[in-house]
Amino acid sequence: MDEPLRRDTLFVALTRPQMFAGVTYTFFIINTIIAVELFLIFRAWWVLLIAVAIHGVGMLLSLRDPRIFDLWITRVRNCPRVKNHKVWKCNSYRP
């Protein structure tokens, strides 16, 4: 009964997604594309400050779960709103 707990080493680097500057590569590319498009539309430098702020929020969210944005993209793609969402307050998977 009093046997010591067995521990195995887990190499977290092999289980984490590809990261760049503290966020997943997918989030970084999406944030960069949106920032460049907004910069070309508005031609103002304040857009870059907004992109840095969004990147900071992404870094904070990625600290808890690095795959949070990939999971969100998968949820949006595979779980669209059903027609009676207002009645049942839930979604359904696409068949």
PDB file of N, CA and C in Angstrom:
ATOM      1  N   MET A   1       0.801  -1.204   0.000  1.00  0.00           N
ATOM      2  CA  MET A   1       0.000   0.000   0.000  1.00  0.00           C
ATOM      3  C   MET A   1       0.843   1.266   0.000  1.00  0.00           C
ATOM      4  N   ASP A   2       1.961   1.266   0.652  1.00  0.00           N
ATOM      5  CA  ASP A   2       2.788   2.463   0.752  1.00  0.00           C
ATOM      6  C   ASP A   2       3.877   2.502  -0.320  1.00  0.00           C
ATOM      7  N   GLU A   3       3.567   2.044  -1.512  1.00  0.00           N
ATOM      8  CA  GLU A   3       4.545   2.077  -2.592  1.00  0.00           C
ATOM      9  C   GLU A   3       4.659   3.503  -3.118  1.00  0.00           C
ATOM     10  N   PRO A   4       5.858   3.908  -3.511  1.00  0.00           N
ATOM     11  CA  PRO A   4       6.008   5.270  -4.046  1.00  0.00           C
ATOM     12  C   PRO A   4       5.310   5.401  -5.406  1.00  0.00           C
ATOM     13  N   LEU A   5       4.877   6.596  -5.687  1.00  0.00           N
ATOM     14  CA  LEU A   5       4.193   6.878  -6.935  1.00  0.00           C
ATOM     15  C   LEU A   5       5.187   6.820  -8.090  1.00  0.00           C
ATOM     16  N   ARG A   6       4.846   6.107  -9.145  1.00  0.00           N
ATOM     17  CA  ARG A   6       5.730   5.990 -10.295  1.00  0.00           C
ATOM     18  C   ARG A   6       5.542   7.206 -11.192  1.00  0.00           C
ATOM     19  N   ARG A   7       6.637   7.794 -11.626  1.00  0.00           N
ATOM     20  CA  ARG A   7       6.580   8.978 -12.480  1.00  0.00           C
ATOM     21  C   ARG A   7       7.315   8.702 -13.782  1.00  0.00           C
ATOM     22  N   ASP A   8       6.731   9.146 -14.863  1.00  0.00           N
ATOM     23  CA  ASP A   8       7.362   9.049 -16.179  1.00  0.00           C
ATOM     24  C   ASP A   8       7.572  10.458 -16.711  1.00  0.00           C
ATOM     25  N   THR A   9       8.662  10.640 -17.403  1.00  0.00           N
ATOM     26  CA  THR A   9       8.980  11.947 -17.967  1.00  0.00           C
ATOM     27  C   THR A   9       8.165  12.161 -19.235  1.00  0.00           C
ATOM     28  N   LEU A  10       7.531  13.309 -19.316  1.00  0.00           N
ATOM     29  CA  LEU A  10       6.774  13.675 -20.507  1.00  0.00           C
ATOM     30  C   LEU A  10       7.499  14.837 -21.174  1.00  0.00           C
ATOM     31  N   PHE A  11       7.822  14.673 -22.420  1.00  0.00           N
ATOM     32  CA  PHE A  11       8.486  15.735 -23.155  1.00  0.00           C
ATOM     33  C   PHE A  11       7.422  16.646 -23.746  1.00  0.00           C
ATOM     34  N   VAL A  12       7.188  17.755 -23.077  1.00  0.00           N
ATOM     35  CA  VAL A  12       6.110  18.669 -23.451  1.00  0.00           C
ATOM     36  C   VAL A  12       6.374  19.284 -24.817  1.00  0.00           C
ATOM     37  N   ALA A  13       7.626  19.445 -25.185  1.00  0.00           N
ATOM     38  CA  ALA A  13       7.936  20.040 -26.481  1.00  0.00           C
ATOM     39  C   ALA A  13       7.409  19.193 -27.630  1.00  0.00           C
ATOM     40  N   LEU A  14       7.249  17.910 -27.424  1.00  0.00           N
ATOM     41  CA  LEU A  14       6.739  17.047 -28.481  1.00  0.00           C
ATOM     42  C   LEU A  14       5.216  17.070 -28.567  1.00  0.00           C
ATOM     43  N   THR A  15       4.540  17.555 -27.535  1.00  0.00           N
ATOM     44  CA  THR A  15       3.080  17.567 -27.525  1.00  0.00           C
ATOM     45  C   THR A  15       2.486  18.954 -27.746  1.00  0.00           C
ATOM     46  N   ARG A  16       3.297  19.989 -27.733  1.00  0.00           N
ATOM     47  CA  ARG A  16       2.797  21.352 -27.928  1.00  0.00           C
ATOM     48  C   ARG A  16       2.773  21.708 -29.405  1.00  0.00           C
ATOM     49  N   PRO A  17       1.887  22.624 -29.785  1.00  0.00           N
ATOM     50  CA  PRO A  17       1.874  23.067 -31.185  1.00  0.00           C
ATOM     51  C   PRO A  17       3.060  23.987 -31.461  1.00  0.00           C
ATOM     52  N   GLN A  18       3.286  24.262 -32.727  1.00  0.00           N
ATOM     53  CA  GLN A  18       4.369  25.155 -33.120  1.00  0.00           C
ATOM     54  C   GLN A  18       4.053  26.560 -32.616  1.00  0.00           C
ATOM     55  N   MET A  19       4.979  27.141 -31.855  1.00  0.00           N
ATOM     56  CA  MET A  19       4.753  28.459 -31.247  1.00  0.00           C
ATOM     57  C   MET A  19       5.697  29.486 -31.883  1.00  0.00           C
ATOM     58  N   PHE A  20       5.232  30.735 -31.924  1.00  0.00           N
ATOM     59  CA  PHE A  20       6.057  31.844 -32.394  1.00  0.00           C
ATOM     60  C   PHE A  20       5.702  33.059 -31.562  1.00  0.00           C
ATOM     61  N   ALA A  21       6.672  33.587 -30.863  1.00  0.00           N
ATOM     62  CA  ALA A  21       6.506  34.780 -30.024  1.00  0.00           C
ATOM     63  C   ALA A  21       5.410  34.583 -28.974  1.00  0.00           C
ATOM     64  N   GLY A  22       5.274  33.379 -28.436  1.00  0.00           N
ATOM     65  CA  GLY A  22       4.348  33.124 -27.342  1.00  0.00           C
ATOM     66  C   GLY A  22       2.954  32.699 -27.734  1.00  0.00           C
ATOM     67  N   VAL A  23       2.649  32.690 -29.029  1.00  0.00           N
ATOM     68  CA  VAL A  23       1.335  32.255 -29.507  1.00  0.00           C
ATOM     69  C   VAL A  23       1.539  31.181 -30.571  1.00  0.00           C
ATOM     70  N   THR A  24       0.456  30.486 -30.908  1.00  0.00           N
ATOM     71  CA  THR A  24       0.579  29.477 -31.952  1.00  0.00           C
ATOM     72  C   THR A  24       0.848  30.153 -33.289  1.00  0.00           C
ATOM     73  N   TYR A  25       1.455  29.404 -34.167  1.00  0.00           N
ATOM     74  CA  TYR A  25       1.812  29.946 -35.473  1.00  0.00           C
ATOM     75  C   TYR A  25       0.568  30.378 -36.241  1.00  0.00           C
ATOM     76  N   THR A  26      -0.522  29.631 -36.117  1.00  0.00           N
ATOM     77  CA  THR A  26      -1.777  29.979 -36.788  1.00  0.00           C
ATOM     78  C   THR A  26      -2.292  31.330 -36.321  1.00  0.00           C
ATOM     79  N   PHE A  27      -2.313  31.545 -35.004  1.00  0.00           N
ATOM     80  CA  PHE A  27      -2.778  32.823 -34.461  1.00  0.00           C
ATOM     81  C   PHE A  27      -1.869  33.962 -34.915  1.00  0.00           C
ATOM     82  N   PHE A  28      -0.565  33.732 -34.926  1.00  0.00           N
ATOM     83  CA  PHE A  28       0.382  34.765 -35.336  1.00  0.00           C
ATOM     84  C   PHE A  28       0.148  35.175 -36.790  1.00  0.00           C
ATOM     85  N   ILE A  29      -0.064  34.207 -37.667  1.00  0.00           N
ATOM     86  CA  ILE A  29      -0.291  34.514 -39.084  1.00  0.00           C
ATOM     87  C   ILE A  29      -1.610  35.257 -39.268  1.00  0.00           C
ATOM     88  N   ILE A  30      -2.668  34.806 -38.592  1.00  0.00           N
ATOM     89  CA  ILE A  30      -3.970  35.490 -38.704  1.00  0.00           C
ATOM     90  C   ILE A  30      -3.879  36.920 -38.186  1.00  0.00           C
ATOM     91  N   ASN A  31      -3.216  37.115 -37.049  1.00  0.00           N
ATOM     92  CA  ASN A  31      -3.053  38.455 -36.483  1.00  0.00           C
ATOM     93  C   ASN A  31      -2.232  39.338 -37.427  1.00  0.00           C
ATOM     94  N   THR A  32      -1.201  38.792 -38.037  1.00  0.00           N
ATOM     95  CA  THR A  32      -0.364  39.561 -38.960  1.00  0.00           C
ATOM     96  C   THR A  32      -1.156  39.969 -40.201  1.00  0.00           C
ATOM     97  N   ILE A  33      -1.920  39.045 -40.757  1.00  0.00           N
ATOM     98  CA  ILE A  33      -2.703  39.358 -41.954  1.00  0.00           C
ATOM     99  C   ILE A  33      -3.733  40.439 -41.662  1.00  0.00           C
ATOM    100  N   ILE A  34      -4.424  40.319 -40.533  1.00  0.00           N
ATOM    101  CA  ILE A  34      -5.425  41.332 -40.169  1.00  0.00           C
ATOM    102  C   ILE A  34      -4.760  42.683 -39.937  1.00  0.00           C
ATOM    103  N   ALA A  35      -3.610  42.698 -39.264  1.00  0.00           N
ATOM    104  CA  ALA A  35      -2.917  43.962 -38.993  1.00  0.00           C
ATOM    105  C   ALA A  35      -2.446  44.628 -40.293  1.00  0.00           C
ATOM    106  N   VAL A  36      -1.915  43.840 -41.213  1.00  0.00           N
ATOM    107  CA  VAL A  36      -1.452  44.405 -42.483  1.00  0.00           C
ATOM    108  C   VAL A  36      -2.623  44.940 -43.289  1.00  0.00           C
ATOM    109  N   GLU A  37      -3.718  44.196 -43.337  1.00  0.00           N
ATOM    110  CA  GLU A  37      -4.892  44.668 -44.075  1.00  0.00           C
ATOM    111  C   GLU A  37      -5.447  45.962 -43.478  1.00  0.00           C
ATOM    112  N   LEU A  38      -5.554  46.023 -42.156  1.00  0.00           N
ATOM    113  CA  LEU A  38      -6.043  47.252 -41.519  1.00  0.00           C
ATOM    114  C   LEU A  38      -5.082  48.415 -41.735  1.00  0.00           C
ATOM    115  N   PHE A  39      -3.787  48.127 -41.722  1.00  0.00           N
ATOM    116  CA  PHE A  39      -2.802  49.181 -41.980  1.00  0.00           C
ATOM    117  C   PHE A  39      -2.931  49.708 -43.404  1.00  0.00           C
ATOM    118  N   LEU A  40      -3.168  48.829 -44.355  1.00  0.00           N
ATOM    119  CA  LEU A  40      -3.331  49.279 -45.744  1.00  0.00           C
ATOM    120  C   LEU A  40      -4.639  50.038 -45.943  1.00  0.00           C
ATOM    121  N   ILE A  41      -5.666  49.678 -45.197  1.00  0.00           N
ATOM    122  CA  ILE A  41      -6.944  50.383 -45.326  1.00  0.00           C
ATOM    123  C   ILE A  41      -6.881  51.768 -44.690  1.00  0.00           C
ATOM    124  N   PHE A  42      -6.413  51.847 -43.434  1.00  0.00           N
ATOM    125  CA  PHE A  42      -6.433  53.105 -42.691  1.00  0.00           C
ATOM    126  C   PHE A  42      -5.169  53.940 -42.869  1.00  0.00           C
ATOM    127  N   ARG A  43      -4.069  53.331 -43.283  1.00  0.00           N
ATOM    128  CA  ARG A  43      -2.778  54.013 -43.453  1.00  0.00           C
ATOM    129  C   ARG A  43      -2.389  54.794 -42.205  1.00  0.00           C
ATOM    130  N   ALA A  44      -2.509  54.118 -41.054  1.00  0.00           N
ATOM    131  CA  ALA A  44      -2.187  54.749 -39.778  1.00  0.00           C
ATOM    132  C   ALA A  44      -1.367  53.776 -38.935  1.00  0.00           C
ATOM    133  N   TRP A  45      -0.457  54.329 -38.156  1.00  0.00           N
ATOM    134  CA  TRP A  45       0.426  53.501 -37.339  1.00  0.00           C
ATOM    135  C   TRP A  45      -0.259  52.950 -36.095  1.00  0.00           C
ATOM    136  N   TRP A  46      -1.380  53.524 -35.690  1.00  0.00           N
ATOM    137  CA  TRP A  46      -2.057  53.047 -34.483  1.00  0.00           C
ATOM    138  C   TRP A  46      -2.605  51.642 -34.661  1.00  0.00           C
ATOM    139  N   VAL A  47      -2.773  51.203 -35.904  1.00  0.00           N
ATOM    140  CA  VAL A  47      -3.234  49.840 -36.163  1.00  0.00           C
ATOM    141  C   VAL A  47      -2.215  48.827 -35.647  1.00  0.00           C
ATOM    142  N   LEU A  48      -0.929  49.152 -35.753  1.00  0.00           N
ATOM    143  CA  LEU A  48       0.115  48.249 -35.269  1.00  0.00           C
ATOM    144  C   LEU A  48       0.070  48.110 -33.753  1.00  0.00           C
ATOM    145  N   LEU A  49      -0.320  49.170 -33.056  1.00  0.00           N
ATOM    146  CA  LEU A  49      -0.461  49.085 -31.605  1.00  0.00           C
ATOM    147  C   LEU A  49      -1.613  48.153 -31.219  1.00  0.00           C
ATOM    148  N   ILE A  50      -2.685  48.194 -31.997  1.00  0.00           N
ATOM    149  CA  ILE A  50      -3.802  47.292 -31.752  1.00  0.00           C
ATOM    150  C   ILE A  50      -3.376  45.848 -31.993  1.00  0.00           C
ATOM    151  N   ALA A  51      -2.572  45.623 -33.029  1.00  0.00           N
ATOM    152  CA  ALA A  51      -2.077  44.270 -33.318  1.00  0.00           C
ATOM    153  C   ALA A  51      -1.196  43.756 -32.184  1.00  0.00           C
ATOM    154  N   VAL A  52      -0.377  44.623 -31.611  1.00  0.00           N
ATOM    155  CA  VAL A  52       0.464  44.222 -30.478  1.00  0.00           C
ATOM    156  C   VAL A  52      -0.405  43.900 -29.261  1.00  0.00           C
ATOM    157  N   ALA A  53      -1.452  44.677 -29.041  1.00  0.00           N
ATOM    158  CA  ALA A  53      -2.361  44.402 -27.920  1.00  0.00           C
ATOM    159  C   ALA A  53      -3.084  43.070 -28.114  1.00  0.00           C
ATOM    160  N   ILE A  54      -3.543  42.790 -29.327  1.00  0.00           N
ATOM    161  CA  ILE A  54      -4.203  41.511 -29.611  1.00  0.00           C
ATOM    162  C   ILE A  54      -3.217  40.363 -29.423  1.00  0.00           C
ATOM    163  N   HIS A  55      -1.970  40.578 -29.822  1.00  0.00           N
ATOM    164  CA  HIS A  55      -0.950  39.547 -29.625  1.00  0.00           C
ATOM    165  C   HIS A  55      -0.727  39.282 -28.134  1.00  0.00           C
ATOM    166  N   GLY A  56      -0.745  40.338 -27.325  1.00  0.00           N
ATOM    167  CA  GLY A  56      -0.597  40.169 -25.877  1.00  0.00           C
ATOM    168  C   GLY A  56      -1.736  39.371 -25.272  1.00  0.00           C
ATOM    169  N   VAL A  57      -2.947  39.637 -25.716  1.00  0.00           N
ATOM    170  CA  VAL A  57      -4.100  38.867 -25.241  1.00  0.00           C
ATOM    171  C   VAL A  57      -3.949  37.407 -25.663  1.00  0.00           C
ATOM    172  N   GLY A  58      -3.489  37.189 -26.881  1.00  0.00           N
ATOM    173  CA  GLY A  58      -3.266  35.824 -27.352  1.00  0.00           C
ATOM    174  C   GLY A  58      -2.206  35.098 -26.542  1.00  0.00           C
ATOM    175  N   MET A  59      -1.173  35.826 -26.133  1.00  0.00           N
ATOM    176  CA  MET A  59      -0.130  35.221 -25.290  1.00  0.00           C
ATOM    177  C   MET A  59      -0.704  34.798 -23.943  1.00  0.00           C
ATOM    178  N   LEU A  60      -1.526  35.659 -23.344  1.00  0.00           N
ATOM    179  CA  LEU A  60      -2.120  35.324 -22.048  1.00  0.00           C
ATOM    180  C   LEU A  60      -3.049  34.118 -22.152  1.00  0.00           C
ATOM    181  N   LEU A  61      -3.824  34.033 -23.225  1.00  0.00           N
ATOM    182  CA  LEU A  61      -4.713  32.891 -23.403  1.00  0.00           C
ATOM    183  C   LEU A  61      -3.934  31.615 -23.701  1.00  0.00           C
ATOM    184  N   SER A  62      -2.798  31.746 -24.384  1.00  0.00           N
ATOM    185  CA  SER A  62      -1.993  30.572 -24.724  1.00  0.00           C
ATOM    186  C   SER A  62      -1.222  30.024 -23.533  1.00  0.00           C
ATOM    187  N   LEU A  63      -1.078  30.787 -22.479  1.00  0.00           N
ATOM    188  CA  LEU A  63      -0.370  30.281 -21.304  1.00  0.00           C
ATOM    189  C   LEU A  63      -1.128  29.121 -20.666  1.00  0.00           C
ATOM    190  N   ARG A  64      -2.425  29.217 -20.613  1.00  0.00           N
ATOM    191  CA  ARG A  64      -3.228  28.159 -19.997  1.00  0.00           C
ATOM    192  C   ARG A  64      -3.354  26.940 -20.904  1.00  0.00           C
ATOM    193  N   ASP A  65      -3.707  27.166 -22.165  1.00  0.00           N
ATOM    194  CA  ASP A  65      -3.840  26.071 -23.125  1.00  0.00           C
ATOM    195  C   ASP A  65      -3.331  26.559 -24.480  1.00  0.00           C
ATOM    196  N   PRO A  66      -2.199  26.039 -24.944  1.00  0.00           N
ATOM    197  CA  PRO A  66      -1.639  26.523 -26.208  1.00  0.00           C
ATOM    198  C   PRO A  66      -2.531  26.255 -27.421  1.00  0.00           C
ATOM    199  N   ARG A  67      -3.404  25.291 -27.344  1.00  0.00           N
ATOM    200  CA  ARG A  67      -4.252  24.956 -28.496  1.00  0.00           C
ATOM    201  C   ARG A  67      -5.625  25.616 -28.442  1.00  0.00           C
ATOM    202  N   ILE A  68      -5.782  26.661 -27.652  1.00  0.00           N
ATOM    203  CA  ILE A  68      -7.104  27.265 -27.478  1.00  0.00           C
ATOM    204  C   ILE A  68      -7.642  27.827 -28.789  1.00  0.00           C
ATOM    205  N   PHE A  69      -6.795  28.400 -29.622  1.00  0.00           N
ATOM    206  CA  PHE A  69      -7.272  28.977 -30.880  1.00  0.00           C
ATOM    207  C   PHE A  69      -7.573  27.901 -31.914  1.00  0.00           C
ATOM    208  N   ASP A  70      -6.782  26.842 -31.931  1.00  0.00           N
ATOM    209  CA  ASP A  70      -7.071  25.729 -32.830  1.00  0.00           C
ATOM    210  C   ASP A  70      -8.381  25.052 -32.446  1.00  0.00           C
ATOM    211  N   LEU A  71      -8.626  24.908 -31.154  1.00  0.00           N
ATOM    212  CA  LEU A  71      -9.891  24.323 -30.695  1.00  0.00           C
ATOM    213  C   LEU A  71     -11.068  25.226 -31.046  1.00  0.00           C
ATOM    214  N   TRP A  72     -10.895  26.530 -30.918  1.00  0.00           N
ATOM    215  CA  TRP A  72     -11.966  27.467 -31.248  1.00  0.00           C
ATOM    216  C   TRP A  72     -12.273  27.424 -32.740  1.00  0.00           C
ATOM    217  N   ILE A  73     -11.237  27.378 -33.583  1.00  0.00           N
ATOM    218  CA  ILE A  73     -11.442  27.312 -35.030  1.00  0.00           C
ATOM    219  C   ILE A  73     -12.167  26.020 -35.398  1.00  0.00           C
ATOM    220  N   THR A  74     -11.798  24.911 -34.768  1.00  0.00           N
ATOM    221  CA  THR A  74     -12.462  23.642 -35.029  1.00  0.00           C
ATOM    222  C   THR A  74     -13.922  23.685 -34.587  1.00  0.00           C
ATOM    223  N   ARG A  75     -14.190  24.311 -33.452  1.00  0.00           N
ATOM    224  CA  ARG A  75     -15.571  24.418 -32.968  1.00  0.00           C
ATOM    225  C   ARG A  75     -16.425  25.261 -33.906  1.00  0.00           C
ATOM    226  N   VAL A  76     -15.883  26.375 -34.362  1.00  0.00           N
ATOM    227  CA  VAL A  76     -16.638  27.241 -35.266  1.00  0.00           C
ATOM    228  C   VAL A  76     -16.897  26.539 -36.593  1.00  0.00           C
ATOM    229  N   ARG A  77     -15.927  25.777 -37.067  1.00  0.00           N
ATOM    230  CA  ARG A  77     -16.066  25.084 -38.346  1.00  0.00           C
ATOM    231  C   ARG A  77     -17.047  23.913 -38.266  1.00  0.00           C
ATOM    232  N   ASN A  78     -17.044  23.170 -37.172  1.00  0.00           N
ATOM    233  CA  ASN A  78     -17.823  21.939 -37.087  1.00  0.00           C
ATOM    234  C   ASN A  78     -19.126  22.054 -36.305  1.00  0.00           C
ATOM    235  N   CYS A  79     -19.339  23.130 -35.580  1.00  0.00           N
ATOM    236  CA  CYS A  79     -20.552  23.281 -34.769  1.00  0.00           C
ATOM    237  C   CYS A  79     -21.280  24.572 -35.113  1.00  0.00           C
ATOM    238  N   PRO A  80     -21.918  24.629 -36.277  1.00  0.00           N
ATOM    239  CA  PRO A  80     -22.631  25.859 -36.633  1.00  0.00           C
ATOM    240  C   PRO A  80     -23.896  26.011 -35.797  1.00  0.00           C
ATOM    241  N   ARG A  81     -24.433  27.204 -35.783  1.00  0.00           N
ATOM    242  CA  ARG A  81     -25.692  27.442 -35.072  1.00  0.00           C
ATOM    243  C   ARG A  81     -26.819  26.676 -35.750  1.00  0.00           C
ATOM    244  N   VAL A  82     -27.607  26.014 -34.947  1.00  0.00           N
ATOM    245  CA  VAL A  82     -28.776  25.317 -35.489  1.00  0.00           C
ATOM    246  C   VAL A  82     -29.941  26.295 -35.550  1.00  0.00           C
ATOM    247  N   LYS A  83     -30.959  25.946 -36.320  1.00  0.00           N
ATOM    248  CA  LYS A  83     -32.080  26.862 -36.528  1.00  0.00           C
ATOM    249  C   LYS A  83     -32.863  27.140 -35.249  1.00  0.00           C
ATOM    250  N   ASN A  84     -32.922  26.170 -34.347  1.00  0.00           N
ATOM    251  CA  ASN A  84     -33.692  26.358 -33.123  1.00  0.00           C
ATOM    252  C   ASN A  84     -32.781  26.592 -31.908  1.00  0.00           C
ATOM    253  N   HIS A  85     -31.690  27.302 -32.094  1.00  0.00           N
ATOM    254  CA  HIS A  85     -30.751  27.582 -31.001  1.00  0.00           C
ATOM    255  C   HIS A  85     -31.404  28.421 -29.899  1.00  0.00           C
ATOM    256  N   LYS A  86     -32.283  29.339 -30.273  1.00  0.00           N
ATOM    257  CA  LYS A  86     -32.941  30.188 -29.275  1.00  0.00           C
ATOM    258  C   LYS A  86     -33.863  29.379 -28.367  1.00  0.00           C
ATOM    259  N   VAL A  87     -34.396  28.284 -28.871  1.00  0.00           N
ATOM    260  CA  VAL A  87     -35.301  27.455 -28.077  1.00  0.00           C
ATOM    261  C   VAL A  87     -34.528  26.550 -27.133  1.00  0.00           C
ATOM    262  N   TRP A  88     -33.512  25.829 -27.679  1.00  0.00           N
ATOM    263  CA  TRP A  88     -32.825  24.799 -26.902  1.00  0.00           C
ATOM    264  C   TRP A  88     -31.533  25.283 -26.258  1.00  0.00           C
ATOM    265  N   LYS A  89     -31.031  26.454 -26.657  1.00  0.00           N
ATOM    266  CA  LYS A  89     -29.796  27.042 -26.103  1.00  0.00           C
ATOM    267  C   LYS A  89     -28.585  26.102 -26.264  1.00  0.00           C
ATOM    268  N   CYS A  90     -28.532  25.413 -27.397  1.00  0.00           N
ATOM    269  CA  CYS A  90     -27.383  24.527 -27.657  1.00  0.00           C
ATOM    270  C   CYS A  90     -27.189  24.378 -29.152  1.00  0.00           C
ATOM    271  N   ASN A  91     -26.025  23.863 -29.530  1.00  0.00           N
ATOM    272  CA  ASN A  91     -25.708  23.594 -30.927  1.00  0.00           C
ATOM    273  C   ASN A  91     -25.667  22.097 -31.165  1.00  0.00           C
ATOM    274  N   SER A  92     -25.436  21.726 -32.405  1.00  0.00           N
ATOM    275  CA  SER A  92     -25.340  20.323 -32.761  1.00  0.00           C
ATOM    276  C   SER A  92     -24.167  20.154 -33.708  1.00  0.00           C
ATOM    277  N   TYR A  93     -23.557  18.982 -33.661  1.00  0.00           N
ATOM    278  CA  TYR A  93     -22.493  18.699 -34.604  1.00  0.00           C
ATOM    279  C   TYR A  93     -23.078  18.491 -35.989  1.00  0.00           C
ATOM    280  N   ARG A  94     -22.299  18.866 -36.982  1.00  0.00           N
ATOM    281  CA  ARG A  94     -22.712  18.638 -38.355  1.00  0.00           C
ATOM    282  C   ARG A  94     -22.564  17.153 -38.667  1.00  0.00           C
ATOM    283  N   PRO A  95     -23.517  16.525 -39.358  1.00  0.00           N
ATOM    284  CA  PRO A  95     -23.402  15.071 -39.643  1.00  0.00           C
ATOM    285  C   PRO A  95     -22.327  14.788 -40.657  1.00  0.00           C
TER     286      PRO A  95
END
